[in-house]
């Protein structure tokens, strides 16, 4: 009812209050803008910050507010790859390159049942292993990477996945992103921040970085995000990227952190975001 009265009040103000009549085109444009602003209000955040406040907010202030907001939005955010130990997570993470976690989780149960140790993977038949993981894509290069990494683990680390960034990075086919996933989720060590396609996209949209390179973005995030939240931060952004802030047509009108995002209002105004549900306000 209050929104209806505000809209009605705007119409009266625009049509004239003793100071002349506004042009019809301007009346229609401003009324439509007013209705659009009411329609896009995020339902999970009843209090919207004014644009001037958002403009004055520093990046560090935005991150501090997000750190408080994310656990409320995604209290159970976690790595969505299924695993029981560091070895399984390493394999699953390598398989997840250019592949969805859902697809990887369909492949790994059979894989983990057949191959239980680093030596098992190292001695696996190239052709047989390729066939087992074919649906994850890039199966030839993934097979080579997994077998080579497992051979190094078996021969140089006593069959156990190393728990340092330096040692993990030294394994064949293991880059910083994979190492961060394993360290943060299998060993609960915050050595860095996982930067995948979702983290890249959301970091840019939230105004936390101007870079496109994953390592440069990670460095920017590590300066802003409290160390104890590094692993959780990637979970929060990945979950939000999969559930709300899509690459195409982000759902800004239902975004739980809309008021903290400098891109949301722009996306709604320019049509990049999904169209909000039209206001059902009835003028009296």
Protein backbone atom coordinates (compact mmCIF):
# COMPACT_ATOMS: atom_id res chain seq x y z
CA UNK A 1 0.00 0.00 0.00
CA UNK A 2 2.86 2.39 0.86
CA UNK A 3 4.46 1.81 -2.54
CA UNK A 4 1.13 2.57 -4.22
CA UNK A 5 0.86 5.84 -2.30
CA UNK A 6 4.44 6.80 -3.17
CA UNK A 7 3.78 6.17 -6.86
CA UNK A 8 0.53 8.11 -6.70
CA UNK A 9 2.32 10.95 -4.90
CA UNK A 10 4.98 11.03 -7.61
CA UNK A 11 2.29 11.24 -10.28
CA UNK A 12 0.67 14.18 -8.50
CA UNK A 13 4.02 15.93 -8.09
CA UNK A 14 4.93 15.49 -11.74
CA UNK A 15 1.56 16.62 -13.05
CA UNK A 16 1.92 19.87 -11.22
CA UNK A 17 1.60 21.33 -7.75
CA UNK A 18 1.19 25.01 -8.52
CA UNK A 19 4.48 25.35 -10.38
CA UNK A 20 3.51 24.35 -13.88
CA UNK A 21 2.69 21.09 -15.64
CA UNK A 22 5.43 18.55 -16.44
CA UNK A 23 5.55 17.29 -20.03
CA UNK A 24 3.57 14.00 -20.50
CA UNK A 25 6.67 12.18 -21.74
CA UNK A 26 8.57 13.03 -18.60
CA UNK A 27 5.63 11.97 -16.43
CA UNK A 28 5.47 8.54 -18.09
CA UNK A 29 9.23 8.05 -17.97
CA UNK A 30 9.56 8.93 -14.31
CA UNK A 31 6.52 6.91 -13.30
CA UNK A 32 7.93 3.87 -15.10
CA UNK A 33 11.30 4.40 -13.43
CA UNK A 34 9.61 4.64 -10.03
CA UNK A 35 7.64 1.43 -10.58
CA UNK A 36 10.75 -0.37 -11.85
CA UNK A 37 12.69 0.65 -8.75
CA UNK A 38 9.95 -0.76 -6.51
CA UNK A 39 9.76 -3.96 -8.56
CA UNK A 40 13.47 -4.71 -8.37
CA UNK A 41 13.75 -4.51 -4.61
CA UNK A 42 15.55 -7.62 -3.37
CA UNK A 43 13.05 -9.54 -1.20
CA UNK A 44 15.73 -10.83 1.15
CA UNK A 45 17.07 -7.37 1.91
CA UNK A 46 14.25 -5.13 2.96
CA UNK A 47 16.49 -2.11 3.55
CA UNK A 48 18.09 -0.80 0.37
CA UNK A 49 21.07 1.52 0.65
CA UNK A 50 20.71 4.75 -1.33
CA UNK A 51 22.88 5.08 -4.42
CA UNK A 52 24.89 7.85 -2.79
CA UNK A 53 25.80 5.53 0.11
CA UNK A 54 26.92 2.79 -2.28
CA UNK A 55 29.03 5.28 -4.18
CA UNK A 56 30.76 6.39 -0.98
CA UNK A 57 31.36 2.83 0.25
CA UNK A 58 35.00 1.78 -0.03
CA UNK A 59 35.97 -1.63 -1.35
CA UNK A 60 37.11 -2.72 2.10
CA UNK A 61 33.80 -1.63 3.63
CA UNK A 62 31.94 -3.61 0.96
CA UNK A 63 33.99 -6.74 1.67
CA UNK A 64 33.44 -6.34 5.43
CA UNK A 65 29.68 -6.18 4.90
CA UNK A 66 29.76 -9.13 2.50
CA UNK A 67 31.69 -11.24 5.02
CA UNK A 68 28.80 -10.68 7.43
CA UNK A 69 26.11 -11.23 4.79
CA UNK A 70 27.35 -14.36 3.01
CA UNK A 71 27.05 -16.77 5.98
CA UNK A 72 23.41 -15.74 6.37
CA UNK A 73 22.70 -16.27 2.68
CA UNK A 74 24.69 -19.52 2.33
CA UNK A 75 25.19 -20.97 5.83
CA UNK A 76 26.10 -24.40 4.42
CA UNK A 77 28.35 -23.34 1.55
CA UNK A 78 31.01 -25.97 0.88
CA UNK A 79 33.01 -27.63 -1.88
CA UNK A 80 30.46 -29.42 -4.05
CA UNK A 81 32.87 -32.10 -5.25
CA UNK A 82 32.32 -35.40 -3.44
CA UNK A 83 35.42 -36.77 -1.68
CA UNK A 84 36.49 -38.61 1.46
CA UNK A 85 40.20 -37.83 1.60
CA UNK A 86 42.86 -35.55 0.03
CA UNK A 87 43.69 -38.08 -2.70
CA UNK A 88 40.07 -38.25 -3.90
CA UNK A 89 39.72 -34.47 -3.81
CA UNK A 90 42.88 -34.02 -5.87
CA UNK A 91 41.56 -36.39 -8.53
CA UNK A 92 38.10 -34.81 -8.52
CA UNK A 93 39.54 -31.30 -8.79
CA UNK A 94 41.67 -32.21 -11.81
CA UNK A 95 38.61 -33.79 -13.43
CA UNK A 96 36.54 -30.65 -12.74
CA UNK A 97 38.53 -28.52 -15.20
CA UNK A 98 36.09 -27.37 -17.92
CA UNK A 99 33.48 -29.67 -16.40
CA UNK A 100 30.64 -29.30 -13.90
CA UNK A 101 30.94 -30.66 -10.38
CA UNK A 102 27.71 -32.55 -10.98
CA UNK A 103 29.23 -34.47 -13.89
CA UNK A 104 32.43 -35.18 -11.94
CA UNK A 105 30.36 -36.53 -9.03
CA UNK A 106 28.69 -38.94 -11.45
CA UNK A 107 32.06 -40.32 -12.55
CA UNK A 108 34.04 -40.49 -9.32
CA UNK A 109 32.12 -43.15 -7.31
CA UNK A 110 33.17 -45.91 -9.71
CA UNK A 111 36.64 -44.40 -10.03
CA UNK A 112 37.21 -44.15 -6.28
CA UNK A 113 36.03 -47.72 -5.80
CA UNK A 114 38.53 -49.08 -8.31
CA UNK A 115 41.52 -46.84 -7.55
CA UNK A 116 42.22 -46.40 -3.85
CA UNK A 117 45.89 -45.42 -3.64
CA UNK A 118 48.28 -43.17 -5.53
CA UNK A 119 50.02 -46.29 -6.82
CA UNK A 120 46.71 -47.62 -8.19
CA UNK A 121 46.26 -44.48 -10.29
CA UNK A 122 49.89 -44.42 -11.38
CA UNK A 123 49.67 -48.00 -12.65
CA UNK A 124 46.29 -47.56 -14.34
CA UNK A 125 45.99 -48.30 -18.04
CA UNK A 126 45.94 -45.05 -20.04
CA UNK A 127 43.18 -46.32 -22.35
CA UNK A 128 41.09 -47.77 -19.54
CA UNK A 129 41.32 -44.64 -17.43
CA UNK A 130 40.49 -42.44 -20.41
CA UNK A 131 37.35 -44.46 -20.99
CA UNK A 132 36.31 -44.13 -17.34
CA UNK A 133 36.56 -40.32 -17.29
CA UNK A 134 35.64 -39.57 -20.93
CA UNK A 135 32.39 -37.80 -20.07
CA UNK A 136 34.28 -35.10 -18.11
CA UNK A 137 35.95 -33.82 -21.28
CA UNK A 138 39.66 -33.39 -22.13
CA UNK A 139 40.01 -36.95 -20.91
CA UNK A 140 43.39 -37.63 -22.52
CA UNK A 141 45.18 -34.71 -20.88
CA UNK A 142 43.38 -35.30 -17.58
CA UNK A 143 44.44 -38.95 -17.58
CA UNK A 144 48.07 -37.98 -18.18
CA UNK A 145 47.95 -35.36 -15.42
CA UNK A 146 46.36 -37.67 -12.85
CA UNK A 147 48.66 -40.60 -13.55
CA UNK A 148 51.77 -38.38 -13.49
CA UNK A 149 50.73 -36.60 -10.28
CA UNK A 150 49.96 -39.91 -8.58
CA UNK A 151 53.27 -41.37 -9.66
CA UNK A 152 55.06 -38.42 -8.06
CA UNK A 153 52.98 -38.78 -4.89
CA UNK A 154 53.74 -42.51 -4.69
CA UNK A 155 57.46 -42.12 -5.35
CA UNK A 156 58.27 -38.82 -3.64
CA UNK A 157 55.69 -38.43 -0.86
CA UNK A 158 55.15 -41.93 0.43
CA UNK A 159 51.76 -42.22 -1.22
CA UNK A 160 50.31 -39.27 0.67
CA UNK A 161 49.10 -36.01 -0.88
CA UNK A 162 51.45 -33.22 0.28
CA UNK A 163 49.91 -30.43 2.34
CA UNK A 164 51.93 -27.40 1.27
CA UNK A 165 51.44 -25.06 -1.67
CA UNK A 166 55.01 -25.53 -2.85
CA UNK A 167 54.83 -29.32 -2.91
CA UNK A 168 51.38 -29.46 -4.50
CA UNK A 169 52.39 -26.97 -7.19
CA UNK A 170 55.38 -29.14 -8.01
CA UNK A 171 53.14 -32.09 -8.92
CA UNK A 172 52.54 -32.61 -12.66
CA UNK A 173 49.24 -31.10 -13.79
CA UNK A 174 48.58 -29.33 -10.49
CA UNK A 175 48.31 -25.55 -10.60
CA UNK A 176 47.64 -22.98 -7.91
CA UNK A 177 43.85 -23.23 -8.20
CA UNK A 178 43.86 -27.01 -7.71
CA UNK A 179 46.33 -26.67 -4.85
CA UNK A 180 44.10 -24.10 -3.14
CA UNK A 181 41.09 -26.41 -3.43
CA UNK A 182 42.96 -29.31 -1.84
CA UNK A 183 44.63 -27.25 0.89
CA UNK A 184 41.47 -25.40 1.87
CA UNK A 185 39.01 -28.28 1.78
CA UNK A 186 41.04 -31.41 2.55
CA UNK A 187 43.61 -29.91 4.93
CA UNK A 188 41.64 -26.84 6.12
CA UNK A 189 44.55 -24.53 5.36
CA UNK A 190 43.94 -21.00 4.09
CA UNK A 191 46.96 -20.65 1.82
CA UNK A 192 45.09 -18.75 -0.90
CA UNK A 193 41.71 -18.14 -2.51
CA UNK A 194 40.32 -20.42 -5.20
CA UNK A 195 39.66 -18.32 -8.29
CA UNK A 196 37.45 -20.06 -10.84
CA UNK A 197 35.14 -18.63 -13.48
CA UNK A 198 32.47 -17.74 -10.89
CA UNK A 199 34.93 -16.02 -8.56
CA UNK A 200 36.39 -14.06 -11.48
CA UNK A 201 32.95 -12.91 -12.63
CA UNK A 202 31.61 -11.94 -9.20
CA UNK A 203 34.84 -10.25 -8.10
CA UNK A 204 34.59 -7.99 -11.13
CA UNK A 205 30.87 -7.31 -10.70
CA UNK A 206 31.31 -6.52 -7.00
CA UNK A 207 34.07 -4.06 -7.87
CA UNK A 208 36.79 -5.96 -6.00
CA UNK A 209 39.22 -6.15 -8.91
CA UNK A 210 39.84 -4.72 -12.34
CA UNK A 211 41.96 -7.64 -13.47
CA UNK A 212 41.02 -10.60 -15.65
CA UNK A 213 43.99 -12.83 -14.80
CA UNK A 214 43.17 -15.36 -12.08
CA UNK A 215 46.42 -14.95 -10.12
CA UNK A 216 46.16 -11.16 -10.12
CA UNK A 217 42.54 -11.39 -8.97
CA UNK A 218 43.59 -13.77 -6.19
CA UNK A 219 46.22 -11.28 -5.02
CA UNK A 220 43.61 -8.50 -4.95
CA UNK A 221 41.19 -10.66 -2.96
CA UNK A 222 43.86 -11.79 -0.49
CA UNK A 223 44.50 -8.12 0.34
CA UNK A 224 40.81 -7.48 0.98
CA UNK A 225 39.34 -10.64 2.51
CA UNK A 226 40.30 -11.58 6.09
CA UNK A 227 42.68 -14.55 6.08
CA UNK A 228 40.36 -16.78 8.12
CA UNK A 229 37.68 -16.48 5.42
CA UNK A 230 39.78 -17.26 2.33
CA UNK A 231 38.40 -20.77 1.77
CA UNK A 232 34.84 -19.77 2.66
CA UNK A 233 35.03 -16.71 0.40
CA UNK A 234 35.48 -18.86 -2.70
CA UNK A 235 32.60 -21.11 -1.60
CA UNK A 236 30.32 -18.10 -1.11
CA UNK A 237 31.09 -16.59 -4.50
CA UNK A 238 30.86 -19.93 -6.31
CA UNK A 239 27.51 -20.73 -4.70
CA UNK A 240 26.15 -17.27 -5.51
CA UNK A 241 27.46 -17.51 -9.06
CA UNK A 242 25.69 -20.83 -9.58
CA UNK A 243 22.45 -19.86 -7.90
CA UNK A 244 21.91 -16.16 -8.55
CA UNK A 245 24.68 -14.21 -10.31
CA UNK A 246 24.69 -16.13 -13.59
CA UNK A 247 27.09 -15.29 -16.40
CA UNK A 248 24.13 -14.45 -18.58
CA UNK A 249 21.00 -12.78 -17.24
CA UNK A 250 21.94 -12.54 -13.55
CA UNK A 251 18.95 -12.58 -11.21
CA UNK A 252 19.60 -9.12 -9.74
CA UNK A 253 15.98 -8.49 -8.74
CA UNK A 254 16.17 -11.40 -6.26
CA UNK A 255 19.81 -10.95 -5.26
CA UNK A 256 20.37 -11.20 -1.52
CA UNK A 257 23.35 -8.81 -1.66
CA UNK A 258 21.92 -6.39 -4.23
CA UNK A 259 22.50 -3.36 -2.02
CA UNK A 260 26.21 -4.19 -1.77
CA UNK A 261 26.74 -4.69 -5.50
CA UNK A 262 27.71 -1.72 -7.68
CA UNK A 263 26.69 -3.60 -10.84
CA UNK A 264 23.15 -4.72 -9.95
CA UNK A 265 21.35 -1.45 -10.54
CA UNK A 266 23.21 -0.91 -13.82
CA UNK A 267 22.35 -4.43 -15.00
CA UNK A 268 18.67 -3.88 -14.26
CA UNK A 269 18.58 -0.52 -16.00
CA UNK A 270 20.41 -1.77 -19.10
CA UNK A 271 18.53 -5.06 -19.42
CA UNK A 272 21.54 -7.27 -18.71
CA UNK A 273 19.76 -8.84 -15.74
CA UNK A 274 16.62 -10.93 -15.75
CA UNK A 275 13.45 -8.87 -15.92
CA UNK A 276 11.93 -8.36 -12.46
CA UNK A 277 8.37 -9.42 -11.72
CA UNK A 278 6.16 -6.42 -12.55
CA UNK A 279 4.61 -4.54 -9.63
CA UNK A 280 1.03 -5.55 -8.93
CA UNK A 281 0.22 -2.24 -7.30
CA UNK A 282 -3.32 -1.06 -8.06
CA UNK A 283 -3.81 2.70 -8.12
CA UNK A 284 -6.77 3.90 -6.11
